[in-house]
Structures are given as C-alpha cells and as structure tokens.
N, C-alpha and C. Protein backbone atom coordinates (compact mmCIF):
# COMPACT_ATOMS: atom_id res chain seq x y z
N UNK A 1 0.75 -1.20 -0.12
CA UNK A 1 -0.03 0.01 -0.01
C UNK A 1 0.91 1.29 0.04
N UNK A 2 0.54 2.17 -0.86
CA UNK A 2 1.27 3.37 -1.07
C UNK A 2 1.14 4.39 0.02
N UNK A 3 0.08 4.45 0.74
CA UNK A 3 -0.32 5.55 1.54
C UNK A 3 0.06 5.18 3.02
N UNK A 4 0.61 4.21 3.33
CA UNK A 4 1.04 3.74 4.82
C UNK A 4 1.90 4.88 5.49
N UNK A 5 1.71 5.06 6.76
CA UNK A 5 2.52 6.19 7.36
C UNK A 5 3.17 5.49 8.67
N UNK A 6 4.23 5.83 9.11
CA UNK A 6 4.85 5.44 10.34
C UNK A 6 6.36 5.73 10.32
N UNK A 7 7.03 5.37 11.31
CA UNK A 7 8.48 5.60 11.27
C UNK A 7 9.13 4.32 11.08
N UNK A 8 10.40 4.26 10.65
CA UNK A 8 11.14 3.17 10.44
C UNK A 8 12.01 2.91 11.78
N UNK A 9 12.51 1.84 11.90
CA UNK A 9 13.33 1.41 13.05
C UNK A 9 14.61 2.34 13.16
N UNK A 10 15.22 2.62 12.02
CA UNK A 10 16.40 3.56 12.00
C UNK A 10 15.98 4.89 12.49
N UNK A 11 14.85 5.45 11.95
CA UNK A 11 14.44 6.73 12.54
C UNK A 11 14.09 6.79 14.01
N UNK A 12 13.49 5.75 14.50
CA UNK A 12 13.18 5.68 15.85
C UNK A 12 14.53 5.67 16.80
N UNK A 13 15.44 4.81 16.29
CA UNK A 13 16.80 4.76 17.01
C UNK A 13 17.60 6.10 16.93
N UNK A 14 17.51 6.88 15.84
CA UNK A 14 18.19 8.03 15.80
C UNK A 14 17.47 9.00 16.63
N UNK A 15 16.17 9.09 16.85
CA UNK A 15 15.53 10.14 17.80
C UNK A 15 15.77 9.72 19.24
N UNK A 16 15.86 8.50 19.48
CA UNK A 16 15.95 7.94 20.94
C UNK A 16 17.51 8.32 21.25
N UNK A 17 18.47 8.00 20.32
CA UNK A 17 19.84 8.47 20.48
C UNK A 17 19.94 9.92 20.69
N UNK A 18 19.35 10.82 20.05
CA UNK A 18 19.51 12.28 20.28
C UNK A 18 18.93 12.54 21.66
N UNK A 19 17.76 11.99 21.96
CA UNK A 19 17.17 12.36 23.38
C UNK A 19 18.01 11.86 24.36
N UNK A 20 18.75 10.80 24.36
CA UNK A 20 19.58 10.36 25.38
C UNK A 20 20.83 11.19 25.45
N UNK A 21 21.29 11.51 24.28
CA UNK A 21 22.48 12.52 24.39
C UNK A 21 22.16 13.82 25.03
N UNK A 22 20.97 14.35 24.59
CA UNK A 22 20.54 15.62 25.25
C UNK A 22 20.37 15.55 26.80
N UNK A 23 19.79 14.43 27.08
CA UNK A 23 19.59 14.13 28.55
C UNK A 23 20.83 14.07 29.27
N UNK A 24 21.94 13.38 28.68
CA UNK A 24 23.09 13.13 29.37
C UNK A 24 23.87 14.42 29.35
N UNK A 25 23.91 15.37 28.47
CA UNK A 25 24.58 16.61 28.51
C UNK A 25 23.84 17.53 29.55
N UNK A 26 22.48 17.56 29.58
CA UNK A 26 21.85 18.15 30.57
C UNK A 26 22.13 17.85 31.97
N UNK A 27 22.25 16.57 32.20
CA UNK A 27 22.44 16.05 33.44
C UNK A 27 23.98 16.43 33.90
N UNK A 28 24.87 16.21 33.05
CA UNK A 28 26.17 16.61 33.45
C UNK A 28 26.36 18.18 33.76
N UNK A 29 25.87 18.89 32.90
CA UNK A 29 25.89 20.47 33.30
C UNK A 29 25.28 20.87 34.47
N UNK A 30 23.89 20.21 34.71
CA UNK A 30 23.21 20.65 35.80
C UNK A 30 23.72 20.08 37.12
N UNK A 31 24.53 19.04 37.14
CA UNK A 31 25.07 18.52 38.33
C UNK A 31 26.07 19.55 38.93
N UNK A 32 26.93 20.25 38.07
CA UNK A 32 27.88 21.21 38.72
C UNK A 32 26.99 22.44 39.20
N UNK A 33 25.97 22.78 38.59
CA UNK A 33 25.23 23.83 38.92
C UNK A 33 24.51 23.54 40.37
N UNK A 34 23.97 22.33 40.40
CA UNK A 34 23.31 21.92 41.59
C UNK A 34 24.48 21.84 42.92
N UNK A 35 25.48 21.42 42.67
CA UNK A 35 26.58 21.46 43.69
C UNK A 35 26.83 22.88 44.05
N UNK A 36 26.92 23.81 43.08
CA UNK A 36 27.22 25.27 43.34
C UNK A 36 26.17 25.78 44.17
N UNK A 37 24.83 25.44 43.86
CA UNK A 37 23.75 25.80 44.56
C UNK A 37 23.69 25.17 46.05
N UNK A 38 24.17 24.03 46.12
CA UNK A 38 24.14 23.52 47.45
C UNK A 38 25.08 24.21 48.36
N UNK A 39 26.36 24.76 47.91
CA UNK A 39 27.39 25.35 48.64
C UNK A 39 26.72 26.71 49.08
N UNK A 40 25.91 27.36 48.15
CA UNK A 40 25.28 28.53 48.47
C UNK A 40 24.21 28.44 49.46
N UNK A 41 23.38 27.40 49.28
CA UNK A 41 22.49 27.07 50.23
C UNK A 41 22.90 26.86 51.69
N UNK A 42 24.17 25.97 51.75
CA UNK A 42 24.64 25.74 53.08
C UNK A 42 25.25 27.06 53.63
N UNK A 43 25.81 27.99 52.86
CA UNK A 43 26.25 29.20 53.44
C UNK A 43 25.14 30.07 54.04
N UNK A 44 24.01 29.99 53.21
CA UNK A 44 22.83 30.72 53.74
C UNK A 44 22.34 30.00 55.11
N UNK A 45 22.44 28.68 55.07
CA UNK A 45 21.99 28.00 56.40
C UNK A 45 22.95 28.51 57.53
N UNK A 46 24.38 28.52 57.34
CA UNK A 46 25.21 28.96 58.37
C UNK A 46 24.82 30.27 58.76
N UNK A 47 24.63 31.29 57.75
CA UNK A 47 24.43 32.63 58.00
C UNK A 47 23.10 32.77 58.89
N UNK A 48 22.00 31.97 58.47
CA UNK A 48 20.78 32.10 59.04
C UNK A 48 20.84 31.58 60.65
N UNK A 49 21.66 30.55 60.69
CA UNK A 49 21.60 29.98 62.18
C UNK A 49 22.52 30.95 63.01
N UNK A 50 23.48 31.53 62.57
CA UNK A 50 24.22 32.58 63.24
C UNK A 50 23.36 33.67 63.64
N UNK A 51 22.53 34.15 62.61
CA UNK A 51 21.57 35.31 62.89
C UNK A 51 20.63 34.75 64.02
N UNK A 52 20.13 33.63 63.96
CA UNK A 52 19.18 33.04 64.78
C UNK A 52 19.76 32.99 66.22
N UNK A 53 21.04 32.47 66.23
CA UNK A 53 21.68 32.39 67.66
C UNK A 53 21.56 33.75 68.22
N UNK A 54 22.03 34.79 67.52
CA UNK A 54 22.06 36.22 67.94
C UNK A 54 20.63 36.67 68.37
N UNK A 55 19.60 36.29 67.58
CA UNK A 55 18.33 36.80 68.00
C UNK A 55 17.88 35.94 69.27
N UNK A 56 18.10 34.71 69.15
CA UNK A 56 17.58 33.97 70.49
C UNK A 56 18.28 34.56 71.72
N UNK A 57 19.65 34.86 71.59
CA UNK A 57 20.28 35.44 72.76
C UNK A 57 19.61 36.69 73.37
N UNK A 58 19.25 37.50 72.40
CA UNK A 58 18.68 38.76 72.80
C UNK A 58 17.30 38.61 73.15
N UNK A 59 16.44 37.79 72.67
CA UNK A 59 14.98 37.59 73.08
C UNK A 59 14.94 36.70 74.24
N UNK A 60 15.89 35.84 74.49
CA UNK A 60 15.84 34.96 75.82
C UNK A 60 16.59 35.81 76.93
N UNK A 61 17.29 36.91 76.62
CA UNK A 61 18.25 37.60 77.57
C UNK A 61 19.16 36.54 78.23
N UNK A 62 19.70 35.79 77.41
CA UNK A 62 20.64 34.59 77.87
C UNK A 62 21.67 34.27 76.83
N UNK A 63 22.88 34.07 77.09
CA UNK A 63 23.86 33.77 75.97
C UNK A 63 23.35 32.46 75.24
N UNK A 64 23.52 32.63 73.96
CA UNK A 64 23.32 31.33 73.06
C UNK A 64 24.44 30.92 72.26
N UNK A 65 24.74 29.59 72.08
CA UNK A 65 26.03 29.14 71.24
C UNK A 65 25.56 28.68 70.02
N UNK A 66 26.34 29.18 69.02
CA UNK A 66 26.23 28.53 67.72
C UNK A 66 27.39 27.57 67.44
N UNK A 67 26.96 26.25 67.32
CA UNK A 67 28.15 25.11 67.21
C UNK A 67 28.19 24.54 65.91
N UNK A 68 29.37 24.35 65.43
CA UNK A 68 29.63 23.76 64.09
C UNK A 68 30.48 22.49 64.37
N UNK A 69 29.90 21.25 64.02
CA UNK A 69 30.64 19.99 64.04
C UNK A 69 30.99 19.68 62.64
N UNK A 70 32.37 19.85 62.29
CA UNK A 70 32.80 19.72 60.95
C UNK A 70 32.89 18.22 60.44
N UNK A 71 33.00 17.28 61.46
CA UNK A 71 33.07 15.88 61.18
C UNK A 71 31.58 15.36 60.65
N UNK A 72 30.54 15.83 61.35
CA UNK A 72 29.12 15.47 61.12
C UNK A 72 28.53 16.47 60.06
N UNK A 73 29.14 17.58 59.83
CA UNK A 73 28.42 18.51 59.01
C UNK A 73 27.26 19.16 59.61
N UNK A 74 27.27 19.28 60.99
CA UNK A 74 26.11 19.64 61.74
C UNK A 74 26.20 21.19 62.22
N UNK A 75 25.04 21.76 62.30
CA UNK A 75 25.06 23.11 62.74
C UNK A 75 24.04 23.26 63.90
N UNK A 76 24.22 23.82 64.99
CA UNK A 76 23.30 23.84 66.02
C UNK A 76 23.26 25.12 66.76
N UNK A 77 22.16 25.45 67.39
CA UNK A 77 22.02 26.77 68.33
C UNK A 77 21.45 26.19 69.60
N UNK A 78 22.26 26.60 70.70
CA UNK A 78 21.93 26.13 71.90
C UNK A 78 21.69 27.37 72.79
N UNK A 79 20.79 27.26 73.68
CA UNK A 79 20.61 28.26 74.87
C UNK A 79 21.31 27.73 76.05
N UNK A 80 22.30 28.59 76.58
CA UNK A 80 23.11 28.21 77.59
C UNK A 80 22.42 28.13 78.90
N UNK A 81 21.36 28.88 79.03
CA UNK A 81 20.53 29.21 80.14
C UNK A 81 21.37 29.89 81.25
N UNK A 82 22.31 30.78 80.64
CA UNK A 82 23.14 31.49 81.62
C UNK A 82 24.27 30.90 82.47
N UNK A 83 24.49 29.47 82.24
CA UNK A 83 25.47 28.87 83.13
C UNK A 83 26.65 28.61 82.17
N UNK A 84 27.88 28.43 82.84
CA UNK A 84 29.04 27.97 82.22
C UNK A 84 29.06 26.45 81.77
N UNK A 85 28.31 25.62 82.37
CA UNK A 85 28.16 24.20 82.11
C UNK A 85 27.41 24.04 80.76
N UNK A 86 27.78 23.15 79.87
CA UNK A 86 27.17 22.78 78.75
C UNK A 86 26.19 21.54 78.88
N UNK A 87 26.27 20.91 80.09
CA UNK A 87 25.31 19.91 80.31
C UNK A 87 23.96 20.16 80.43
N UNK A 88 23.58 21.47 80.84
CA UNK A 88 22.24 21.92 81.01
C UNK A 88 21.70 22.74 79.76
N UNK A 89 22.53 22.89 78.78
CA UNK A 89 22.12 23.65 77.54
C UNK A 89 20.90 22.91 76.91
N UNK A 90 20.10 23.96 76.27
CA UNK A 90 18.88 23.40 75.60
C UNK A 90 19.16 23.65 73.99
N UNK A 91 18.96 22.55 73.34
CA UNK A 91 19.02 22.68 71.79
C UNK A 91 17.90 23.33 71.31
N UNK A 92 17.95 24.43 70.54
CA UNK A 92 17.08 25.18 69.95
C UNK A 92 16.74 24.94 68.49
N UNK A 93 17.98 24.75 67.79
CA UNK A 93 17.96 24.54 66.28
C UNK A 93 18.89 23.63 65.91
N UNK A 94 18.72 22.72 64.88
CA UNK A 94 19.70 21.77 64.42
C UNK A 94 19.61 21.56 62.95
N UNK A 95 20.67 21.60 62.11
CA UNK A 95 20.67 21.22 60.78
C UNK A 95 21.90 20.57 60.38
N UNK A 96 21.78 19.78 59.24
CA UNK A 96 22.78 18.85 58.93
C UNK A 96 23.09 19.36 57.32
N UNK A 97 24.33 19.64 57.08
CA UNK A 97 24.62 20.10 55.71
C UNK A 97 24.57 19.01 54.77
N UNK A 98 24.34 19.14 53.47
CA UNK A 98 24.30 17.99 52.42
C UNK A 98 25.68 17.40 52.49
N UNK A 99 25.73 15.95 52.16
CA UNK A 99 27.04 15.31 52.16
C UNK A 99 28.17 15.87 51.34
N UNK A 100 27.74 16.32 50.14
CA UNK A 100 28.79 16.75 49.28
C UNK A 100 29.36 18.29 49.54
N UNK A 101 28.72 18.85 50.63
CA UNK A 101 29.43 20.27 51.08
C UNK A 101 30.30 19.93 52.26
N UNK A 102 31.48 20.37 52.15
CA UNK A 102 32.43 20.17 53.41
C UNK A 102 33.05 21.39 53.72
N UNK A 103 33.80 21.44 54.93
CA UNK A 103 34.34 22.55 55.42
C UNK A 103 35.80 22.65 54.83
N UNK A 104 36.00 23.65 53.92
CA UNK A 104 37.24 23.61 53.25
C UNK A 104 37.47 25.10 52.70
N UNK A 105 38.65 25.46 52.45
CA UNK A 105 38.95 26.73 51.88
C UNK A 105 39.89 26.71 50.83
N UNK A 106 39.93 27.42 49.85
CA UNK A 106 40.80 27.43 48.73
C UNK A 106 42.05 28.16 48.93
N UNK A 107 42.24 29.12 49.92
CA UNK A 107 43.37 29.80 50.42
C UNK A 107 43.97 29.26 51.60
N UNK A 108 45.00 29.89 52.17
CA UNK A 108 45.68 29.38 53.27
C UNK A 108 44.79 29.62 54.62
N UNK A 109 44.82 28.74 55.58
CA UNK A 109 44.08 28.83 56.68
C UNK A 109 43.14 27.74 56.92
N UNK A 110 42.63 27.74 58.16
CA UNK A 110 41.63 26.83 58.70
C UNK A 110 40.33 27.09 58.14
N UNK A 111 39.54 26.09 57.78
CA UNK A 111 38.22 26.25 57.36
C UNK A 111 37.31 26.81 58.19
N UNK A 112 37.50 26.47 59.53
CA UNK A 112 36.72 27.11 60.61
C UNK A 112 37.58 27.65 61.66
N UNK A 113 37.49 29.04 61.85
CA UNK A 113 38.26 29.58 62.91
C UNK A 113 37.53 30.22 64.06
N UNK A 114 36.39 29.55 64.31
CA UNK A 114 35.69 30.06 65.65
C UNK A 114 36.40 29.38 66.79
N UNK A 115 36.00 29.71 67.94
CA UNK A 115 36.56 29.12 69.11
C UNK A 115 36.39 27.55 69.12
N UNK A 116 37.61 26.77 69.41
CA UNK A 116 37.53 25.46 69.13
C UNK A 116 37.02 24.66 70.52
N UNK A 117 36.07 23.76 70.36
CA UNK A 117 35.70 23.03 71.60
C UNK A 117 36.46 21.80 71.59
N UNK A 118 36.82 21.14 70.54
CA UNK A 118 37.79 20.09 70.41
C UNK A 118 38.26 20.23 68.89
N UNK A 119 38.77 19.15 68.39
CA UNK A 119 39.43 19.24 66.92
C UNK A 119 38.48 19.31 65.85
N UNK A 120 37.24 18.92 66.00
CA UNK A 120 36.17 19.08 65.05
C UNK A 120 35.00 20.03 65.20
N UNK A 121 34.82 20.42 66.58
CA UNK A 121 33.74 21.17 67.00
C UNK A 121 34.17 22.57 67.34
N UNK A 122 33.40 23.60 66.86
CA UNK A 122 33.77 25.04 67.01
C UNK A 122 32.38 25.79 67.48
N UNK A 123 32.63 26.91 68.06
CA UNK A 123 31.46 27.73 68.61
C UNK A 123 31.66 29.10 68.50
N UNK A 124 30.52 29.82 68.44
CA UNK A 124 30.58 31.27 68.61
C UNK A 124 29.33 31.45 69.54
N UNK A 125 29.65 32.34 70.63
CA UNK A 125 28.70 32.48 71.74
C UNK A 125 28.26 33.95 71.64
N UNK A 126 26.94 34.13 71.67
CA UNK A 126 26.34 35.50 71.41
C UNK A 126 25.78 35.90 72.99
N UNK A 127 25.97 37.08 73.38
CA UNK A 127 25.58 37.51 74.65
C UNK A 127 24.16 38.01 74.48
N UNK A 128 23.49 38.42 75.57
CA UNK A 128 22.07 39.02 75.55
C UNK A 128 21.86 40.29 74.85
N UNK A 129 22.97 40.92 74.60
CA UNK A 129 23.04 42.15 73.83
C UNK A 129 23.26 42.04 72.32
N UNK A 130 23.43 40.71 71.88
CA UNK A 130 23.75 40.32 70.40
C UNK A 130 25.24 40.40 70.03
N UNK A 131 26.06 40.70 71.00
CA UNK A 131 27.44 40.88 70.78
C UNK A 131 28.11 39.30 70.89
N UNK A 132 29.36 39.21 70.28
CA UNK A 132 30.05 38.02 70.25
C UNK A 132 30.88 37.97 71.62
N UNK A 133 30.71 37.09 72.55
CA UNK A 133 31.57 36.98 73.76
C UNK A 133 32.65 36.01 73.44
N UNK A 134 32.68 35.23 72.27
CA UNK A 134 33.82 34.44 71.81
C UNK A 134 34.51 35.06 70.95
N UNK A 135 35.62 34.53 70.33
CA UNK A 135 36.46 35.16 69.29
C UNK A 135 35.68 35.17 67.87
N UNK A 136 35.94 36.32 67.25
CA UNK A 136 35.32 36.35 65.89
C UNK A 136 35.97 35.30 65.09
N UNK A 137 35.35 34.82 63.93
CA UNK A 137 35.95 33.90 63.04
C UNK A 137 35.24 33.77 61.77
N UNK A 138 35.51 32.62 60.94
CA UNK A 138 35.10 32.39 59.72
C UNK A 138 34.74 30.88 59.53
N UNK A 139 33.76 30.62 58.80
CA UNK A 139 33.27 29.36 58.37
C UNK A 139 33.30 29.22 56.97
N UNK A 140 34.19 28.21 56.40
CA UNK A 140 34.47 28.11 54.86
C UNK A 140 33.83 26.93 54.39
N UNK A 141 33.14 26.87 53.34
CA UNK A 141 32.37 25.77 52.73
C UNK A 141 32.86 25.42 51.40
N UNK A 142 32.88 24.17 50.99
CA UNK A 142 33.27 23.89 49.46
C UNK A 142 32.30 22.77 49.10
N UNK A 143 31.97 22.78 47.87
CA UNK A 143 31.32 21.77 47.16
C UNK A 143 31.73 21.78 45.56
N UNK A 144 32.34 20.84 45.18
CA UNK A 144 32.84 20.79 43.80
C UNK A 144 33.93 21.94 43.64
N UNK A 145 33.63 22.89 42.65
CA UNK A 145 34.55 24.01 42.61
C UNK A 145 33.93 25.32 43.03
N UNK A 146 33.13 25.20 43.88
CA UNK A 146 32.54 26.47 44.51
C UNK A 146 32.86 26.61 45.95
N UNK A 147 33.22 27.82 46.44
CA UNK A 147 33.53 28.07 47.73
C UNK A 147 32.61 29.22 48.22
N UNK A 148 32.24 29.12 49.49
CA UNK A 148 31.54 30.17 50.13
C UNK A 148 31.99 30.23 51.66
N UNK A 149 31.86 31.54 52.17
CA UNK A 149 32.33 31.66 53.52
C UNK A 149 31.39 32.64 54.28
N UNK A 150 31.35 32.45 55.60
CA UNK A 150 30.52 33.29 56.54
C UNK A 150 31.39 33.73 57.53
N UNK A 151 31.58 35.16 57.65
CA UNK A 151 32.37 35.58 58.80
C UNK A 151 31.47 36.18 59.95
N UNK A 152 31.93 36.08 61.10
CA UNK A 152 31.13 36.60 62.32
C UNK A 152 32.16 37.50 63.09
N UNK A 153 31.71 38.65 63.37
CA UNK A 153 32.52 39.72 63.91
C UNK A 153 32.18 40.07 65.49
N UNK A 154 33.06 40.65 66.20
CA UNK A 154 32.99 40.85 67.51
C UNK A 154 31.82 41.53 68.00
N UNK A 155 31.38 42.56 67.23
CA UNK A 155 30.19 43.23 67.51
C UNK A 155 28.90 42.48 67.07
N UNK A 156 29.02 41.43 66.54
CA UNK A 156 27.73 40.58 66.21
C UNK A 156 27.39 40.54 64.77
N UNK A 157 28.22 41.16 64.02
CA UNK A 157 27.87 41.42 62.51
C UNK A 157 28.22 40.08 61.94
N UNK A 158 27.58 39.79 60.80
CA UNK A 158 27.70 38.64 60.05
C UNK A 158 27.66 38.84 58.59
N UNK A 159 28.76 38.37 57.86
CA UNK A 159 28.83 38.81 56.41
C UNK A 159 29.09 37.52 55.61
N UNK A 160 28.58 37.40 54.38
CA UNK A 160 28.82 36.26 53.56
C UNK A 160 29.85 36.78 52.42
N UNK A 161 30.68 35.67 52.01
CA UNK A 161 31.64 35.86 50.86
C UNK A 161 31.59 34.68 50.04
N UNK A 162 32.09 34.97 48.72
CA UNK A 162 32.31 33.78 47.94
C UNK A 162 33.76 33.94 47.16
N UNK A 163 34.30 32.74 46.71
CA UNK A 163 35.58 32.78 46.29
C UNK A 163 35.46 32.94 44.72
N UNK A 164 36.16 33.92 44.10
CA UNK A 164 36.01 34.23 42.80
C UNK A 164 37.21 33.50 41.98
N UNK A 165 37.95 32.72 42.57
CA UNK A 165 39.19 32.08 41.94
C UNK A 165 40.38 32.64 42.43
N UNK A 166 40.46 33.88 42.90
CA UNK A 166 41.66 34.43 43.39
C UNK A 166 41.65 35.11 44.76
N UNK A 167 40.35 35.52 45.02
CA UNK A 167 40.14 36.24 46.33
C UNK A 167 38.69 36.13 46.80
N UNK A 168 38.42 36.37 48.09
CA UNK A 168 37.04 36.42 48.52
C UNK A 168 36.39 37.81 48.19
N UNK A 169 35.24 37.68 47.77
CA UNK A 169 34.48 38.83 47.40
C UNK A 169 33.13 38.74 48.21
N UNK A 170 32.55 39.92 48.52
CA UNK A 170 31.44 40.14 49.31
C UNK A 170 30.27 39.56 48.49
N UNK A 171 29.27 38.95 49.23
CA UNK A 171 28.13 38.40 48.65
C UNK A 171 28.41 36.93 48.22
N UNK A 172 27.17 36.28 48.18
CA UNK A 172 27.36 34.78 47.72
C UNK A 172 26.62 34.37 46.55
C-alpha cells in the first residue's frame, strides 16, 4: 500500500539516541550547577543559624551558642541558660549540611576559625545584647569547585563571601 505512514526502526533509534544525548549533556551540566547551589544554600544556612543564635540570645536575655561540628556537617544553636556548664544547655535549632558540602577553603588557613571546643567542633557565643563573647571567626564551605564563607565579627555582625578564583568577594 502506497499511503501507509509510520516511522522506520532507523528513525526511531536516531531520535532515541538524540534524546539520550541531550539528557546526558543536561544532567552533566546541571550537576555542577546543583553542587554550586548546594554550597550557596549551605552558606545561607550557616548565616541564618548565626543570625538566629544572636536573635535567640537577645530575646531570651541569655547567652546562646552557635556550634559547628565539621565531622558530622552539623550546625546547632543552643541556649546556655546563663550557666558555664554545657550539660544543661537546651538545643534550639539543628541542621545537617548536604554530604557533598564540606568545610574547606581554597586559600591558606583553617576552614573554621571560631573558638575550638575540640578538633572538629567549634562555637560562637552571643551575649544577651547580641554581641559575640567568643572570638570572631570564619566558616568556609566547599562543594565541587565552588567556595563560600561566612564571617562573624565581635560586634555581632555577620557577612557572607564567595571565592572568585583568586580572592574572597562580598556576597554569595
């Protein structure tokens, strides 16, 4: 019959091959974008929890600790209840960073420079007036080829940076 319509097996294989190729290229390029966005999101999480620790300290009129566990990729905010002992602290907020985001920096220095609790745990303590009672410091994050950092200052200020390949620049 002269008027039959349809596709040949060759045409079908060519179309499926093109679709598979486009899907592969899209996946490869989107993976690096997703890792970059994960670092950006993690930096915003660090920034947000630092801000939250400061706000909690002021609103509770009691020092609050922001704690970073670099081994577990964990961020926490604790109410100290005004005591020096950590055994009675109350956990207020808890976050885990994505597995592919690690604490690392592209330049010289430690990835986390807050006060060390031990070799993998660090803290920043905010007073009831929103000031930092511990040492100021930085938290640097890496995922793939993307780096972000969050700095916390003595007066309680918090600022985010990104690595442009040669230096840290403001914003993320």
